[in-house]
Amino acid sequence: MPSLNPGRSEFLQIRRGGGLYIDKTHHFRSLLAPESEDAPTLRNPYVFLARPRRFGKSLLVTTLEAFFQGEVPVDPRYLNGHNPPPTQSKAELFRGTTAADAAESRGFHPVVRLNMANTPADSPEELKANLLEMLGGQYTLWNRRGINVGLEPVDESGAVTFPSVPAVSPAQRLEDLVGRLKARYGANPVVLVDEYDAPLVHLLGKDTDPEPILDVLRNFYVRLKSLESDLHFVFVTGITRFARVSLFSVLNNLRDISWEPAYATLCGFTEREARTALEPHLTTAAVHLDLSLKELMDQIRRHYNGYHFSLPGNSESVYNPFTLACCLRDLQDPNHAEWWKVTGWPNHWAVSGNPMFLIRLMKEGQYPLPTDPPPWESLMSTTYNLDRVNFVSLMVQTGYYTLRQDTGGDLYLDYPNDEVRRTYNHELLETYRQPPDPRTMRAMHRALADEGYKGFCDLLHTFLAGIPSEKLCRETDCHLVLHVLCQLMQVEFQSEVHQGGGRSDMEIRFPEHVCVMEFKYGESPQTALDQIRTHDYGRRHFGGSRRVVALGLNFAPGTGTEPPAVEHAVCVRYRPE
């Protein structure tokens, strides 16, 4: 079986080494469509794609690099007398893929690949130095390929460093390299920018003035716009969209394909791709777990699938390729399988570099609990400032939330799968206490489903008893804990539901009923219940097939080691007066 190589993102290494590559090049037909049949220019020469971390963005970038330039041989003078390693043509590299013919017929375009992952900095001077170091790697690469980059190498390996005098900006170094490559090959170069927003994400949640760093980035990226006539294609990837910080206002010709249905499966594995390309790995995993293939797929789907990058009805859901590959790689070993039979499916999401600043921002109260999904248009062109982050959109873009549709066709936000749900909520609950065991979760879910609200409140009171009273000193704290518990119970719910009469704290939906909830701290459950009725919370469900239940909860402050008491008042079959 081909190796699964999770975490490997170099297309050439995967193809040369016989590793598993799930073909995504059929998307190149539209992504790299020419202006016309005979025109050398592209219909969309500047493209932007946002995806969560570990979703194959870097592999896509290196695939595009190979598509445009193939393998470029090393200059013999840097081989130290050794024979040059064999290079494959583009047709050979892409053999068996949809783009095999196009890769060869499109000709050669030299590529400048910029990986911004190592450039984050806390000062503009540090950022400039990091950008120059990154560009120095590109200068060295092309010098080793025999291109005159205008600077002499510092050693026999062909390494190039930039002199400090005269000082040349990163933007100018980029322009100089593009010009030299165009002159040498007689073809417009391609620029691929991976993780463009790494320097910005680095600043989130920090008490740092971002403007000086943003100025450096603006001056760098604006050069791509000024080089429009000299570049064949520019492709930019990242996690977030920081358009309002004016970073990309200078690149106003970027086409954002992040939420276009045609590219919803450009990164990530579809169900069909997983079943086809991973079939031998899946079969082995099923044998080691003593499951049928159908049982295995049902469990894997719940744990790793579920991401949508367009309206759910317009696109397939996809797996996170990194976590699925890690899972199947481990399951080829029967010892891993025996361990998992006891411990359950692993959460590779948790060990692959969580953006923990999100959890920190929420628990510190800097951002409210998620509300209704933002309008679809705002998800396609989300904009926000570094000092005023749209938390819900950030949760969607980082992969913690995805869009779903309920049985009535309404959009709502939810975790894409069990892996992300457990990872995020366990991390959040651990700031209060250890998460509850699965039996407690099932009992809470059953009590709510059966409308046993007293039993639910008793279970909630017992759970809160394990949290120090100083951590539950306001309504927001109790709301946050209940929000996370609902996620772990996997009920269909929303927090802070905006309605005509105001905003209810929570709605939990079951097939036969909707529970509209209002929380108070140190008041009374009747006050909470009166607020629901006075403001007609839940009115959007009136006239539907499900009855509406109003539930007022009051968290009576704890004393010393005593947790808050959970008091409730309920009005069943609530209807507007």
Protein backbone atom coordinates (compact mmCIF):
# COMPACT_ATOMS: atom_id res chain seq x y z
CA MET A 1 0.00 0.00 0.00
CA PRO A 2 1.25 3.54 -0.67
CA SER A 3 2.40 5.38 2.43
CA LEU A 4 -0.17 7.79 3.86
CA ASN A 5 2.48 10.46 4.65
CA PRO A 6 0.32 12.65 6.94
CA GLY A 7 1.93 16.02 7.38
CA ARG A 8 4.03 15.78 4.21
CA SER A 9 3.26 18.68 1.89
CA GLU A 10 5.88 18.45 -0.88
CA PHE A 11 4.22 17.19 -4.06
CA LEU A 12 7.52 16.19 -5.70
CA GLN A 13 8.61 14.09 -2.71
CA ILE A 14 5.26 12.33 -2.53
CA ARG A 15 5.22 11.53 -6.24
CA ARG A 16 8.87 10.45 -6.42
CA GLY A 17 8.52 8.32 -3.30
CA GLY A 18 5.33 6.57 -4.38
CA GLY A 19 3.29 8.04 -1.52
CA LEU A 20 -0.46 8.36 -1.57
CA TYR A 21 -1.72 11.35 -3.53
CA ILE A 22 -5.45 11.93 -3.88
CA ASP A 23 -5.86 13.79 -7.15
CA LYS A 24 -7.26 17.30 -6.85
CA THR A 25 -6.00 18.54 -10.20
CA HIS A 26 -9.41 18.32 -11.86
CA HIS A 27 -10.04 21.66 -10.16
CA PHE A 28 -7.21 23.16 -12.24
CA ARG A 29 -9.46 23.23 -15.31
CA SER A 30 -11.43 26.13 -13.87
CA LEU A 31 -8.82 27.49 -11.46
CA LEU A 32 -6.26 27.94 -14.26
CA ALA A 33 -8.62 28.47 -17.18
CA PRO A 34 -7.10 30.69 -19.91
CA GLU A 35 -8.72 33.97 -20.89
CA SER A 36 -9.59 32.41 -24.24
CA GLU A 37 -8.63 29.28 -26.12
CA ASP A 38 -5.52 30.82 -27.67
CA ALA A 39 -4.65 33.41 -25.00
CA PRO A 40 -1.58 32.81 -22.80
CA THR A 41 -3.10 34.81 -19.94
CA LEU A 42 -5.37 33.34 -17.27
CA ARG A 43 -8.98 34.27 -16.64
CA ASN A 44 -8.26 34.67 -12.92
CA PRO A 45 -4.57 35.54 -12.50
CA TYR A 46 -4.87 36.50 -8.79
CA VAL A 47 -6.65 33.98 -6.52
CA PHE A 48 -7.13 33.66 -2.75
CA LEU A 49 -8.17 30.52 -0.84
CA ALA A 50 -8.83 30.27 2.91
CA ARG A 51 -8.97 26.91 4.69
CA PRO A 52 -8.41 25.78 8.29
CA ARG A 53 -5.03 24.50 9.36
CA ARG A 54 -3.97 20.98 8.41
CA PHE A 55 -6.25 20.97 5.38
CA GLY A 56 -3.71 20.46 2.61
CA LYS A 57 -3.16 24.08 1.59
CA SER A 58 0.61 23.65 1.48
CA LEU A 59 0.32 20.48 -0.61
CA LEU A 60 -1.93 22.36 -3.02
CA VAL A 61 0.70 25.11 -3.27
CA THR A 62 3.51 22.66 -4.05
CA THR A 63 1.26 20.88 -6.57
CA LEU A 64 0.74 24.19 -8.37
CA GLU A 65 4.48 24.79 -8.23
CA ALA A 66 5.11 21.46 -9.95
CA PHE A 67 2.34 22.14 -12.47
CA PHE A 68 3.98 25.37 -13.61
CA GLN A 69 7.68 24.48 -13.50
CA GLY A 70 8.05 20.76 -12.87
CA GLU A 71 11.45 19.77 -11.51
CA VAL A 72 14.23 22.28 -12.14
CA PRO A 73 17.67 20.60 -12.10
CA VAL A 74 20.51 21.77 -9.87
CA ASP A 75 23.46 23.51 -11.52
CA PRO A 76 26.35 21.00 -11.85
CA ARG A 77 28.77 23.29 -10.00
CA TYR A 78 26.77 22.71 -6.80
CA LEU A 79 26.78 18.93 -7.05
CA ASN A 80 30.36 18.59 -5.70
CA GLY A 81 31.31 16.22 -8.49
CA HIS A 82 28.30 13.94 -8.03
CA ASN A 83 26.04 12.97 -10.89
CA PRO A 84 22.87 15.07 -11.05
CA PRO A 85 19.80 13.35 -9.59
CA PRO A 86 17.30 12.25 -12.23
CA THR A 87 14.49 14.69 -12.90
CA GLN A 88 11.08 13.81 -14.18
CA SER A 89 9.09 15.69 -16.78
CA LYS A 90 5.82 17.31 -15.81
CA ALA A 91 3.98 14.61 -17.74
CA GLU A 92 5.70 11.94 -15.59
CA LEU A 93 5.09 13.80 -12.33
CA PHE A 94 1.37 14.14 -13.09
CA ARG A 95 0.89 10.73 -14.68
CA GLY A 96 -2.47 9.32 -13.64
CA THR A 97 -3.89 12.70 -12.64
CA THR A 98 -6.49 14.77 -14.46
CA ALA A 99 -3.91 17.48 -15.15
CA ALA A 100 -1.35 15.21 -16.86
CA ASP A 101 -1.89 16.61 -20.36
CA ALA A 102 -2.40 20.21 -19.29
CA ALA A 103 0.77 20.27 -17.17
CA GLU A 104 2.90 19.53 -20.21
CA SER A 105 1.01 21.69 -22.71
CA ARG A 106 0.89 24.82 -20.54
CA GLY A 107 4.66 25.31 -20.80
CA PHE A 108 7.12 26.51 -18.17
CA HIS A 109 6.70 29.34 -15.67
CA PRO A 110 9.31 29.83 -12.91
CA VAL A 111 7.78 29.88 -9.44
CA VAL A 112 8.60 32.00 -6.40
CA ARG A 113 7.13 30.19 -3.40
CA LEU A 114 6.75 32.26 -0.23
CA ASN A 115 5.98 30.40 2.99
CA MET A 116 4.94 32.98 5.58
CA ALA A 117 4.71 30.43 8.40
CA ASN A 118 8.13 31.37 9.77
CA THR A 119 7.79 35.16 9.48
CA PRO A 120 5.63 36.13 12.54
CA ALA A 121 7.23 38.88 14.59
CA ASP A 122 6.52 41.28 17.43
CA SER A 123 8.12 44.32 15.80
CA PRO A 124 8.36 45.70 12.27
CA GLU A 125 12.15 45.36 12.30
CA GLU A 126 11.90 41.68 13.20
CA LEU A 127 9.27 41.14 10.50
CA LYS A 128 11.48 42.76 7.82
CA ALA A 129 14.36 40.52 8.88
CA ASN A 130 12.15 37.43 8.71
CA LEU A 131 10.82 38.37 5.27
CA LEU A 132 14.36 38.89 3.98
CA GLU A 133 15.43 35.53 5.41
CA MET A 134 12.50 33.85 3.63
CA LEU A 135 13.40 35.58 0.35
CA GLY A 136 17.05 34.65 0.87
CA GLY A 137 15.94 31.02 0.68
CA GLN A 138 14.36 31.67 -2.72
CA TYR A 139 17.45 33.49 -3.98
CA THR A 140 19.59 30.56 -2.83
CA LEU A 141 17.27 28.05 -4.50
CA TRP A 142 17.38 29.80 -7.87
CA ASN A 143 21.12 30.43 -7.60
CA ARG A 144 21.62 26.68 -7.12
CA ARG A 145 19.57 26.19 -10.27
CA GLY A 146 22.03 28.31 -12.22
CA ILE A 147 20.20 31.66 -12.32
CA ASN A 148 22.19 34.87 -11.87
CA VAL A 149 20.43 36.43 -8.88
CA GLY A 150 22.79 39.40 -8.72
CA LEU A 151 24.55 38.29 -5.54
CA GLU A 152 27.53 36.00 -5.10
CA PRO A 153 26.97 32.89 -2.97
CA VAL A 154 28.66 32.95 0.41
CA ASP A 155 29.87 29.32 0.29
CA GLU A 156 30.22 26.30 -1.98
CA SER A 157 26.65 25.21 -1.30
CA GLY A 158 25.31 28.17 -3.27
CA ALA A 159 23.73 29.92 -0.27
CA VAL A 160 22.96 33.61 -0.82
CA THR A 161 22.66 36.25 1.88
CA PHE A 162 21.64 39.86 1.52
CA PRO A 163 24.16 42.53 2.49
CA SER A 164 23.02 44.97 5.16
CA VAL A 165 24.43 47.90 3.17
CA PRO A 166 22.79 49.17 1.13
CA ALA A 167 19.52 48.25 2.85
CA VAL A 168 17.00 46.87 0.36
CA SER A 169 13.39 46.28 1.36
CA PRO A 170 11.76 42.82 1.15
CA ALA A 171 9.38 44.16 -1.51
CA GLN A 172 12.29 45.30 -3.69
CA ARG A 173 14.06 41.97 -3.28
CA LEU A 174 10.90 40.22 -4.45
CA GLU A 175 10.60 42.48 -7.49
CA ASP A 176 14.27 41.97 -8.40
CA LEU A 177 13.90 38.18 -8.29
CA VAL A 178 10.74 38.24 -10.43
CA GLY A 179 12.51 40.43 -12.99
CA ARG A 180 15.56 38.18 -13.21
CA LEU A 181 13.47 35.03 -13.61
CA LYS A 182 11.37 36.62 -16.35
CA ALA A 183 14.49 37.78 -18.20
CA ARG A 184 16.14 34.36 -17.93
CA TYR A 185 13.21 32.22 -19.05
CA GLY A 186 11.23 34.61 -21.22
CA ALA A 187 8.08 33.68 -19.33
CA ASN A 188 6.11 35.49 -16.66
CA PRO A 189 6.81 33.97 -13.22
CA VAL A 190 4.24 32.62 -10.77
CA VAL A 191 4.12 33.71 -7.10
CA LEU A 192 2.61 31.34 -4.53
CA VAL A 193 2.06 32.70 -1.02
CA ASP A 194 1.34 30.11 1.67
CA GLU A 195 -0.08 31.09 5.10
CA TYR A 196 -0.14 34.78 4.23
CA ASP A 197 -1.85 35.63 7.54
CA ALA A 198 0.63 33.93 9.90
CA PRO A 199 2.09 37.29 11.04
CA LEU A 200 -1.43 38.57 11.76
CA VAL A 201 -2.71 35.52 13.62
CA HIS A 202 0.41 35.82 15.76
CA LEU A 203 -0.86 39.21 17.00
CA LEU A 204 -4.39 38.12 17.97
CA GLY A 205 -5.04 38.41 21.69
CA LYS A 206 -1.77 40.26 22.28
CA ASP A 207 -1.45 43.75 23.68
CA THR A 208 0.55 44.93 20.68
CA ASP A 209 -0.10 47.80 18.29
CA PRO A 210 -0.48 45.99 14.94
CA GLU A 211 -0.18 49.04 12.67
CA PRO A 212 3.64 49.15 12.31
CA ILE A 213 3.67 45.44 11.40
CA LEU A 214 0.72 45.88 9.04
CA ASP A 215 2.55 48.68 7.25
CA VAL A 216 5.43 46.32 6.50
CA LEU A 217 3.05 43.67 5.16
CA ARG A 218 1.11 46.17 3.05
CA ASN A 219 4.30 47.43 1.44
CA PHE A 220 5.31 43.86 0.72
CA TYR A 221 2.02 42.67 -0.77
CA VAL A 222 1.37 45.83 -2.77
CA ARG A 223 4.40 44.91 -4.87
CA LEU A 224 2.48 41.90 -6.20
CA LYS A 225 -0.12 44.32 -7.54
CA SER A 226 2.49 46.57 -9.19
CA LEU A 227 4.02 43.49 -10.87
CA GLU A 228 0.72 42.51 -12.50
CA SER A 229 2.06 42.80 -16.04
CA ASP A 230 5.11 40.66 -15.16
CA LEU A 231 3.33 37.81 -13.34
CA HIS A 232 1.44 34.90 -14.86
CA PHE A 233 -0.38 33.77 -11.72
CA VAL A 234 -0.57 34.68 -8.02
CA PHE A 235 -2.11 32.26 -5.53
CA VAL A 236 -2.50 33.18 -1.86
CA THR A 237 -3.59 30.84 0.93
CA GLY A 238 -4.33 31.40 4.60
CA ILE A 239 -6.76 30.69 7.39
CA THR A 240 -8.40 34.08 7.94
CA ARG A 241 -9.54 37.12 5.97
CA PHE A 242 -8.14 40.31 7.42
CA ALA A 243 -9.42 42.51 4.61
CA ARG A 244 -10.47 45.42 6.81
CA VAL A 245 -6.94 45.97 8.02
CA SER A 246 -6.24 47.24 4.48
CA LEU A 247 -3.74 44.47 3.97
CA PHE A 248 -5.43 43.24 0.84
CA SER A 249 -7.06 46.48 -0.23
CA VAL A 250 -3.81 46.94 -2.12
CA LEU A 251 -4.48 43.60 -3.84
CA ASN A 252 -7.99 44.46 -4.96
CA ASN A 253 -7.73 42.12 -7.95
CA LEU A 254 -7.70 38.98 -5.78
CA ARG A 255 -10.57 36.60 -6.48
CA ASP A 256 -11.65 34.88 -3.27
CA ILE A 257 -12.76 31.32 -4.09
CA SER A 258 -12.98 30.18 -0.45
CA TRP A 259 -16.77 29.77 -0.41
CA GLU A 260 -17.44 29.05 -4.07
CA PRO A 261 -19.24 25.69 -4.52
CA ALA A 262 -16.93 24.74 -7.41
CA TYR A 263 -13.93 24.72 -5.04
CA ALA A 264 -15.60 23.38 -1.89
CA THR A 265 -13.66 20.10 -2.17
CA LEU A 266 -10.37 21.56 -3.46
CA CYS A 267 -8.82 20.73 -0.06
CA GLY A 268 -9.90 17.80 2.11
CA PHE A 269 -11.10 14.31 1.19
CA THR A 270 -14.63 13.65 0.00
CA GLU A 271 -16.40 10.45 1.00
CA ARG A 272 -15.89 9.00 -2.47
CA GLU A 273 -12.19 9.92 -2.53
CA ALA A 274 -11.64 8.35 0.87
CA ARG A 275 -13.50 5.14 0.00
CA THR A 276 -11.65 4.80 -3.32
CA ALA A 277 -8.06 5.91 -2.62
CA LEU A 278 -7.91 4.65 0.97
CA GLU A 279 -9.78 1.37 0.45
CA PRO A 280 -6.86 -0.95 1.35
CA HIS A 281 -6.04 1.08 4.46
CA LEU A 282 -9.71 1.11 5.48
CA THR A 283 -10.01 -2.65 4.98
CA THR A 284 -6.97 -3.32 7.18
CA ALA A 285 -8.29 -0.91 9.85
CA ALA A 286 -11.67 -2.67 9.88
CA VAL A 287 -10.02 -6.07 10.37
CA HIS A 288 -7.88 -4.79 13.24
CA LEU A 289 -10.91 -3.23 14.97
CA ASP A 290 -13.16 -6.26 14.37
CA LEU A 291 -15.64 -4.09 12.49
CA SER A 292 -17.35 -4.37 9.14
CA LEU A 293 -16.26 -1.81 6.57
CA LYS A 294 -19.65 -0.10 6.89
CA GLU A 295 -19.36 0.10 10.68
CA LEU A 296 -15.85 1.51 10.37
CA MET A 297 -16.93 4.17 7.86
CA ASP A 298 -19.87 5.20 10.03
CA GLN A 299 -17.57 5.79 12.99
CA ILE A 300 -14.83 7.50 10.98
CA ARG A 301 -17.40 9.74 9.31
CA ARG A 302 -18.79 10.94 12.64
CA HIS A 303 -15.35 11.59 14.05
CA TYR A 304 -13.45 13.15 11.12
CA ASN A 305 -15.86 14.25 8.37
CA GLY A 306 -18.37 17.12 8.32
CA TYR A 307 -16.58 20.23 7.05
CA HIS A 308 -18.53 22.37 4.57
CA PHE A 309 -16.98 25.16 2.53
CA SER A 310 -20.12 26.27 0.78
CA LEU A 311 -23.84 26.04 1.55
CA PRO A 312 -24.46 22.51 2.85
CA GLY A 313 -26.99 21.82 0.13
CA ASN A 314 -24.59 22.94 -2.61
CA SER A 315 -21.45 21.03 -1.67
CA GLU A 316 -20.14 17.77 -0.30
CA SER A 317 -18.72 17.57 3.18
CA VAL A 318 -15.04 16.70 3.47
CA TYR A 319 -12.66 15.04 5.91
CA ASN A 320 -9.70 16.82 7.42
CA PRO A 321 -6.98 15.01 5.41
CA PHE A 322 -4.32 15.20 8.13
CA THR A 323 -6.39 13.72 10.95
CA LEU A 324 -7.90 10.99 8.76
CA ALA A 325 -4.47 10.00 7.41
CA CYS A 326 -3.02 9.91 10.94
CA CYS A 327 -5.91 7.75 12.10
CA LEU A 328 -5.56 5.20 9.27
CA ARG A 329 -1.78 5.15 9.51
CA ASP A 330 -1.99 4.14 13.16
CA LEU A 331 -4.73 1.58 12.52
CA GLN A 332 -2.45 -0.40 10.21
CA ASP A 333 -0.82 -1.54 13.47
CA PRO A 334 -3.02 -4.02 15.39
CA ASN A 335 -1.53 -2.83 18.69
CA HIS A 336 -2.90 0.67 18.08
CA ALA A 337 -6.25 -0.82 17.18
CA GLU A 338 -6.43 -2.78 20.45
CA TRP A 339 -5.69 0.39 22.39
CA TRP A 340 -8.37 2.35 20.55
CA LYS A 341 -11.00 -0.29 21.26
CA VAL A 342 -10.71 0.81 24.88
CA THR A 343 -9.91 4.52 24.62
CA GLY A 344 -11.98 5.49 21.56
CA TRP A 345 -10.96 7.40 18.46
CA PRO A 346 -7.92 9.67 18.87
CA ASN A 347 -8.13 13.43 18.48
CA HIS A 348 -5.20 14.32 16.24
CA TRP A 349 -6.69 17.81 15.96
CA ALA A 350 -5.67 18.33 19.59
CA VAL A 351 -1.99 17.57 19.00
CA SER A 352 -1.45 19.33 15.68
CA GLY A 353 -1.11 22.90 16.89
CA ASN A 354 -4.46 24.20 18.14
CA PRO A 355 -4.94 27.97 17.80
CA MET A 356 -5.41 28.19 21.55
CA PHE A 357 -5.79 31.97 21.40
CA LEU A 358 -9.45 31.32 20.51
CA ILE A 359 -10.08 29.51 23.78
CA ARG A 360 -8.14 32.14 25.68
CA LEU A 361 -10.17 34.97 24.16
CA MET A 362 -13.48 33.28 24.98
CA LYS A 363 -12.74 32.26 28.56
CA GLU A 364 -11.35 35.73 29.32
CA GLY A 365 -14.70 37.17 28.29
CA GLN A 366 -13.27 39.21 25.43
CA TYR A 367 -15.88 37.77 23.08
CA PRO A 368 -19.44 36.62 23.72
CA LEU A 369 -20.74 33.16 23.11
CA PRO A 370 -21.58 32.50 19.46
CA THR A 371 -24.90 33.85 18.25
CA ASP A 372 -26.93 33.10 15.14
CA PRO A 373 -24.90 32.32 12.03
CA PRO A 374 -23.92 35.53 10.26
CA PRO A 375 -25.54 36.16 6.87
CA TRP A 376 -24.19 33.95 4.11
CA GLU A 377 -22.81 36.97 2.26
CA SER A 378 -20.73 37.96 5.26
CA LEU A 379 -19.13 34.52 5.40
CA MET A 380 -18.03 34.88 1.78
CA SER A 381 -16.42 38.27 2.36
CA THR A 382 -15.77 38.36 6.08
CA THR A 383 -13.85 41.45 7.14
CA TYR A 384 -12.75 42.55 10.56
CA ASN A 385 -10.04 44.46 12.37
CA LEU A 386 -7.38 42.88 14.52
CA ASP A 387 -8.67 44.80 17.53
CA ARG A 388 -12.34 43.97 16.82
CA VAL A 389 -12.47 40.36 15.72
CA ASN A 390 -15.71 38.79 14.55
CA PHE A 391 -15.38 35.79 16.84
CA VAL A 392 -18.01 33.61 15.14
CA SER A 393 -16.46 34.09 11.71
CA LEU A 394 -13.03 33.37 13.13
CA MET A 395 -14.36 30.12 14.60
CA VAL A 396 -15.69 29.16 11.15
CA GLN A 397 -12.47 30.06 9.37
CA THR A 398 -10.23 28.19 11.80
CA GLY A 399 -12.30 25.03 11.38
CA TYR A 400 -13.97 24.93 14.79
CA TYR A 401 -17.39 25.64 13.29
CA THR A 402 -19.02 24.74 10.03
CA LEU A 403 -22.41 25.51 8.51
CA ARG A 404 -25.29 23.06 8.74
CA GLN A 405 -28.99 23.07 7.89
CA ASP A 406 -31.66 21.83 10.27
CA THR A 407 -34.73 19.88 9.23
CA GLY A 408 -36.56 23.13 8.54
CA GLY A 409 -33.85 24.34 6.17
CA ASP A 410 -32.47 26.97 8.57
CA LEU A 411 -28.72 27.48 8.73
CA TYR A 412 -26.92 27.06 12.00
CA LEU A 413 -23.34 26.65 13.18
CA ASP A 414 -22.00 23.46 14.68
CA TYR A 415 -18.73 21.67 15.16
CA PRO A 416 -17.94 19.69 12.00
CA ASN A 417 -17.34 16.40 13.81
CA ASP A 418 -16.76 14.69 17.14
CA GLU A 419 -13.00 15.24 17.04
CA VAL A 420 -13.26 19.03 16.92
CA ARG A 421 -16.21 19.15 19.33
CA ARG A 422 -14.42 17.14 21.98
CA THR A 423 -11.11 18.92 21.54
CA TYR A 424 -12.50 22.43 21.83
CA ASN A 425 -14.99 21.81 24.59
CA HIS A 426 -12.65 19.70 26.68
CA GLU A 427 -10.02 22.43 26.47
CA LEU A 428 -12.59 25.04 27.46
CA LEU A 429 -14.10 23.02 30.32
CA GLU A 430 -10.65 22.22 31.67
CA THR A 431 -10.32 25.90 32.57
CA TYR A 432 -13.11 25.17 35.11
CA ARG A 433 -12.80 21.47 35.91
CA GLN A 434 -12.35 18.09 34.27
CA PRO A 435 -15.01 17.36 31.62
CA PRO A 436 -17.85 15.03 32.70
CA ASP A 437 -17.79 11.36 31.86
CA PRO A 438 -19.88 10.03 28.94
CA ARG A 439 -22.50 8.50 31.29
CA THR A 440 -23.25 11.92 32.79
CA MET A 441 -23.55 13.38 29.33
CA ARG A 442 -25.99 10.69 28.26
CA ALA A 443 -28.07 11.19 31.42
CA MET A 444 -28.27 14.97 30.84
CA HIS A 445 -29.25 14.45 27.21
CA ARG A 446 -31.95 11.94 28.17
CA ALA A 447 -33.39 14.27 30.83
CA LEU A 448 -33.70 17.16 28.34
CA ALA A 449 -35.12 14.93 25.61
CA ASP A 450 -37.74 13.53 28.03
CA GLU A 451 -38.48 17.01 29.45
CA GLY A 452 -37.29 15.91 32.87
CA TYR A 453 -36.06 19.35 33.86
CA LYS A 454 -35.76 18.65 37.57
CA GLY A 455 -33.53 15.66 36.85
CA PHE A 456 -31.47 17.76 34.45
CA CYS A 457 -31.01 20.52 37.06
CA ASP A 458 -29.97 17.94 39.67
CA LEU A 459 -27.30 16.59 37.30
CA LEU A 460 -26.16 20.11 36.46
CA HIS A 461 -25.90 20.98 40.16
CA THR A 462 -23.76 17.88 40.76
CA PHE A 463 -21.48 18.81 37.88
CA LEU A 464 -21.10 22.42 39.09
CA ALA A 465 -20.10 21.08 42.51
CA GLY A 466 -16.72 20.19 41.03
CA ILE A 467 -16.01 23.81 40.02
CA PRO A 468 -14.51 26.27 42.54
CA SER A 469 -17.15 28.85 43.46
CA GLU A 470 -14.87 31.77 42.52
CA LYS A 471 -14.97 30.56 38.90
CA LEU A 472 -18.78 30.78 38.79
CA CYS A 473 -19.43 34.29 40.04
CA ARG A 474 -21.60 35.66 37.22
CA GLU A 475 -24.26 34.61 34.75
CA THR A 476 -21.76 34.54 31.86
CA ASP A 477 -19.68 31.86 33.60
CA CYS A 478 -22.69 29.59 34.11
CA HIS A 479 -23.89 30.22 30.55
CA LEU A 480 -20.50 29.28 29.15
CA VAL A 481 -20.41 26.01 31.08
CA LEU A 482 -23.94 25.09 29.96
CA HIS A 483 -23.07 26.02 26.35
CA VAL A 484 -20.11 23.62 26.39
CA LEU A 485 -22.15 20.85 28.02
CA CYS A 486 -24.74 21.14 25.24
CA GLN A 487 -21.97 20.74 22.68
CA LEU A 488 -20.68 17.63 24.43
CA MET A 489 -24.23 16.24 24.63
CA GLN A 490 -24.47 16.82 20.86
CA VAL A 491 -27.93 18.35 21.07
CA GLU A 492 -29.16 20.76 18.41
CA PHE A 493 -28.98 24.16 20.06
CA GLN A 494 -28.08 27.84 19.76
CA SER A 495 -26.85 30.34 22.32
CA GLU A 496 -27.98 33.96 22.43
CA VAL A 497 -30.73 33.68 19.83
CA HIS A 498 -31.68 37.09 18.40
CA GLN A 499 -35.42 37.65 17.98
CA GLY A 500 -37.78 40.54 17.52
CA GLY A 501 -38.43 40.95 21.24
CA GLY A 502 -34.81 40.63 22.31
CA ARG A 503 -32.38 37.77 22.71
CA SER A 504 -32.98 34.51 24.56
CA ASP A 505 -29.99 32.88 26.22
CA MET A 506 -30.39 29.48 24.62
CA GLU A 507 -32.63 27.27 22.50
CA ILE A 508 -32.36 23.48 22.52
CA ARG A 509 -34.27 21.70 19.78
CA PHE A 510 -35.64 18.14 19.82
CA PRO A 511 -37.91 16.44 17.25
CA GLU A 512 -41.05 16.98 19.35
CA HIS A 513 -40.26 20.17 21.27
CA VAL A 514 -38.08 23.28 21.50
CA CYS A 515 -36.80 24.37 24.90
CA VAL A 516 -36.34 28.17 25.12
CA MET A 517 -34.09 29.03 28.07
CA GLU A 518 -33.27 32.21 29.99
CA PHE A 519 -30.61 32.37 32.70
CA LYS A 520 -30.34 34.53 35.81
CA TYR A 521 -27.69 34.72 38.51
CA GLY A 522 -28.74 35.52 42.07
CA GLU A 523 -32.33 36.38 41.13
CA SER A 524 -35.12 33.86 40.65
CA PRO A 525 -36.21 31.32 38.02
CA GLN A 526 -39.61 33.01 37.82
CA THR A 527 -37.90 36.28 36.76
CA ALA A 528 -36.21 34.37 33.94
CA LEU A 529 -39.47 32.70 32.95
CA ASP A 530 -41.34 36.05 32.96
CA GLN A 531 -38.70 37.51 30.63
CA ILE A 532 -39.27 34.70 28.13
CA ARG A 533 -43.00 35.29 28.10
CA THR A 534 -42.85 39.08 28.14
CA HIS A 535 -40.54 39.19 25.12
CA ASP A 536 -42.15 36.27 23.28
CA TYR A 537 -38.85 34.39 23.01
CA GLY A 538 -39.26 31.40 20.75
CA ARG A 539 -41.95 33.05 18.64
CA ARG A 540 -40.25 31.87 15.44
CA HIS A 541 -41.33 28.34 16.39
CA PHE A 542 -44.98 29.22 16.99
CA GLY A 543 -47.25 27.53 14.49
CA GLY A 544 -44.72 24.79 13.81
CA SER A 545 -45.04 21.10 14.53
CA ARG A 546 -42.97 21.26 17.72
CA ARG A 547 -44.33 22.57 21.01
CA VAL A 548 -42.38 25.35 22.67
CA VAL A 549 -41.27 24.97 26.27
CA ALA A 550 -40.09 27.94 28.33
CA LEU A 551 -37.46 27.12 30.97
CA GLY A 552 -36.16 29.73 33.41
CA LEU A 553 -32.95 28.87 35.25
CA ASN A 554 -31.49 30.75 38.20
CA PHE A 555 -28.00 30.07 39.50
CA ALA A 556 -28.07 30.96 43.19
CA PRO A 557 -24.54 32.06 44.19
CA GLY A 558 -22.52 29.47 46.05
CA THR A 559 -20.91 30.11 49.41
CA GLY A 560 -17.42 28.94 50.26
CA THR A 561 -17.05 25.47 48.79
CA GLU A 562 -20.74 25.19 47.88
CA PRO A 563 -21.52 25.44 44.15
CA PRO A 564 -24.34 27.59 42.78
CA ALA A 565 -27.73 25.99 43.34
CA VAL A 566 -29.67 25.46 40.12
CA GLU A 567 -33.31 26.56 40.44
CA HIS A 568 -35.80 26.23 37.62
CA ALA A 569 -39.28 27.27 36.56
CA VAL A 570 -40.95 25.81 33.52
CA CYS A 571 -43.98 26.58 31.35
CA VAL A 572 -44.90 23.65 29.12
CA ARG A 573 -46.78 24.06 25.83
CA TYR A 574 -46.03 27.76 25.88
CA ARG A 575 -47.88 29.80 23.26
CA PRO A 576 -48.17 33.58 22.76
CA GLU A 577 -51.04 35.07 24.74
